[in-house]
Amino acid sequence: MIRDYYSALNELEKALDKDPGNKLIRKKLIICLTQVGKVEDAFSQFCSLIEEDIEIIINTRPDWEDCPCPHLVNKIEKDEIPTKNKYEKYLQLGMLWLYCDAKESIKNFKKASKYSSDERLFHIIKLIEPYVKLNN
């Protein structure tokens, strides 16, 4: 089901029903949700997961885990993957960049905050900031 996000979403949701606390399933589910147009659902899952354990995403090794995020962010940034609006675009980029680069993630969440007053954005930025400072 690699890169078949609709099929993967179905399987991940079934797996999550059986094991709701499984962080690895939730980590993969976020990516799938962004790619099937359920960006708000992805953001809710994302907020919950990073509040619980931000390092599960921050410590992703895209090359080892066959993580599609580097490829996806490139396509979204080039508008090759359509989004409903700029808020959704930057929200997706903020989430997906966290799998690869916390600094880029924050940049995109800040851009998203220009299009929404969702308080979760500011909370997320504060959660991610210490990881950017550690890597500089």
Protein backbone atom coordinates (compact mmCIF):
# COMPACT_ATOMS: atom_id res chain seq x y z
CA MET A 1 0.00 0.00 0.00
CA ILE A 2 3.02 2.24 -0.32
CA ARG A 3 1.83 5.61 -1.65
CA ASP A 4 -1.75 4.33 -2.01
CA TYR A 5 -3.02 6.67 0.67
CA TYR A 6 -6.72 5.74 0.41
CA SER A 7 -6.06 2.03 0.92
CA ALA A 8 -3.49 2.70 3.59
CA LEU A 9 -5.91 5.01 5.40
CA ASN A 10 -8.52 2.27 5.52
CA GLU A 11 -6.04 -0.24 6.93
CA LEU A 12 -4.55 2.21 9.41
CA GLU A 13 -7.99 3.17 10.73
CA LYS A 14 -8.79 -0.52 11.29
CA ALA A 15 -5.47 -1.02 13.05
CA LEU A 16 -6.04 2.06 15.19
CA ASP A 17 -9.46 0.77 16.23
CA LYS A 18 -7.72 -2.34 17.57
CA ASP A 19 -4.84 -0.43 19.17
CA PRO A 20 -5.86 3.22 19.79
CA GLY A 21 -2.69 4.09 21.67
CA ASN A 22 -0.30 2.96 18.94
CA LYS A 23 1.81 6.02 18.12
CA LEU A 24 3.37 4.54 14.99
CA ILE A 25 -0.04 3.93 13.47
CA ARG A 26 -1.09 7.47 14.34
CA LYS A 27 2.16 8.82 12.85
CA LYS A 28 1.42 7.12 9.52
CA LEU A 29 -2.28 8.00 9.70
CA ILE A 30 -1.45 11.72 9.77
CA ILE A 31 0.39 11.47 6.47
CA CYS A 32 -2.46 9.54 4.85
CA LEU A 33 -5.08 11.97 6.08
CA THR A 34 -3.21 14.92 4.58
CA GLN A 35 -3.08 13.18 1.22
CA VAL A 36 -6.75 12.20 1.01
CA GLY A 37 -8.01 15.71 1.69
CA LYS A 38 -8.79 15.27 5.39
CA VAL A 39 -6.40 17.96 6.51
CA GLU A 40 -8.39 19.00 9.59
CA ASP A 41 -8.58 15.38 10.77
CA ALA A 42 -4.83 15.09 10.19
CA PHE A 43 -4.25 18.26 12.18
CA SER A 44 -6.33 16.99 15.08
CA GLN A 45 -4.39 13.72 15.12
CA PHE A 46 -1.13 15.63 14.76
CA CYS A 47 -1.89 17.96 17.68
CA SER A 48 -2.84 15.04 19.88
CA LEU A 49 0.24 13.02 18.98
CA ILE A 50 2.82 15.75 19.39
CA GLU A 51 1.25 16.81 22.67
CA GLU A 52 1.72 13.22 23.86
CA ASP A 53 5.10 12.47 22.25
CA ILE A 54 6.55 15.02 19.82
CA GLU A 55 9.71 12.96 19.39
CA ILE A 56 7.83 10.20 17.58
CA ILE A 57 7.62 12.61 14.64
CA ILE A 58 10.71 14.78 15.23
CA ASN A 59 12.96 11.70 15.28
CA THR A 60 11.67 10.30 11.99
CA ARG A 61 14.44 9.09 9.70
CA PRO A 62 12.87 9.53 6.24
CA ASP A 63 15.60 7.52 4.53
CA TRP A 64 15.32 4.55 6.93
CA GLU A 65 11.55 4.57 7.32
CA ASP A 66 10.69 5.10 3.65
CA CYS A 67 8.85 8.24 4.75
CA PRO A 68 7.16 9.98 1.81
CA CYS A 69 7.31 13.43 3.44
CA PRO A 70 10.35 14.84 1.57
CA HIS A 71 8.67 13.97 -1.73
CA LEU A 72 5.27 15.25 -0.60
CA VAL A 73 6.51 18.61 0.70
CA ASN A 74 8.32 19.18 -2.57
CA LYS A 75 5.14 18.52 -4.56
CA ILE A 76 2.95 20.65 -2.26
CA GLU A 77 5.42 23.55 -2.36
CA LYS A 78 5.38 23.41 -6.17
CA ASP A 79 1.55 23.21 -6.14
CA GLU A 80 1.70 19.82 -7.86
CA ILE A 81 -0.57 18.50 -5.11
CA PRO A 82 -3.60 20.79 -4.99
CA THR A 83 -4.86 22.24 -1.73
CA LYS A 84 -8.15 24.03 -0.99
CA ASN A 85 -6.47 27.25 0.11
CA LYS A 86 -3.23 28.72 1.47
CA TYR A 87 -4.13 27.87 5.05
CA GLU A 88 -4.53 24.20 4.16
CA LYS A 89 -1.32 24.26 2.12
CA TYR A 90 0.77 25.66 4.96
CA LEU A 91 -0.94 23.48 7.53
CA GLN A 92 -0.04 20.36 5.54
CA LEU A 93 3.49 21.60 5.02
CA GLY A 94 3.86 22.35 8.73
CA MET A 95 2.80 18.85 9.66
CA LEU A 96 4.80 17.03 6.99
CA TRP A 97 7.96 19.10 7.46
CA LEU A 98 8.09 18.08 11.13
CA TYR A 99 8.94 14.56 9.95
CA CYS A 100 12.06 16.01 8.28
CA ASP A 101 12.98 19.46 9.60
CA ALA A 102 11.55 21.23 12.64
CA LYS A 103 12.71 24.66 11.47
CA GLU A 104 10.81 24.34 8.18
CA SER A 105 7.81 23.03 10.07
CA ILE A 106 7.66 26.15 12.25
CA LYS A 107 8.02 28.43 9.21
CA ASN A 108 4.98 26.81 7.63
CA PHE A 109 2.89 26.83 10.79
CA LYS A 110 3.64 30.55 11.11
CA LYS A 111 2.48 31.05 7.52
CA ALA A 112 -0.68 29.06 8.27
CA SER A 113 -1.34 31.30 11.27
CA LYS A 114 -1.67 34.28 8.90
CA TYR A 115 -4.79 32.62 7.48
CA SER A 116 -6.33 31.30 10.71
CA SER A 117 -6.60 32.28 14.34
CA ASP A 118 -6.64 28.65 15.49
CA GLU A 119 -4.89 28.71 18.87
CA ARG A 120 -3.52 25.21 18.26
CA LEU A 121 -1.09 26.69 15.74
CA PHE A 122 0.59 28.87 18.35
CA HIS A 123 0.68 26.03 20.85
CA ILE A 124 2.32 23.74 18.29
CA ILE A 125 4.92 26.33 17.40
CA LYS A 126 5.84 26.59 21.10
CA LEU A 127 6.13 22.79 21.33
CA ILE A 128 8.44 22.61 18.31
CA GLU A 129 10.68 25.63 19.08
CA PRO A 130 12.93 23.86 21.63
CA TYR A 131 13.81 21.26 18.99
CA VAL A 132 14.85 23.94 16.52
CA LYS A 133 17.12 25.54 19.13
CA LEU A 134 18.70 22.16 19.91
CA ASN A 135 19.62 21.60 16.27
CA ASN A 136 21.16 25.04 15.64
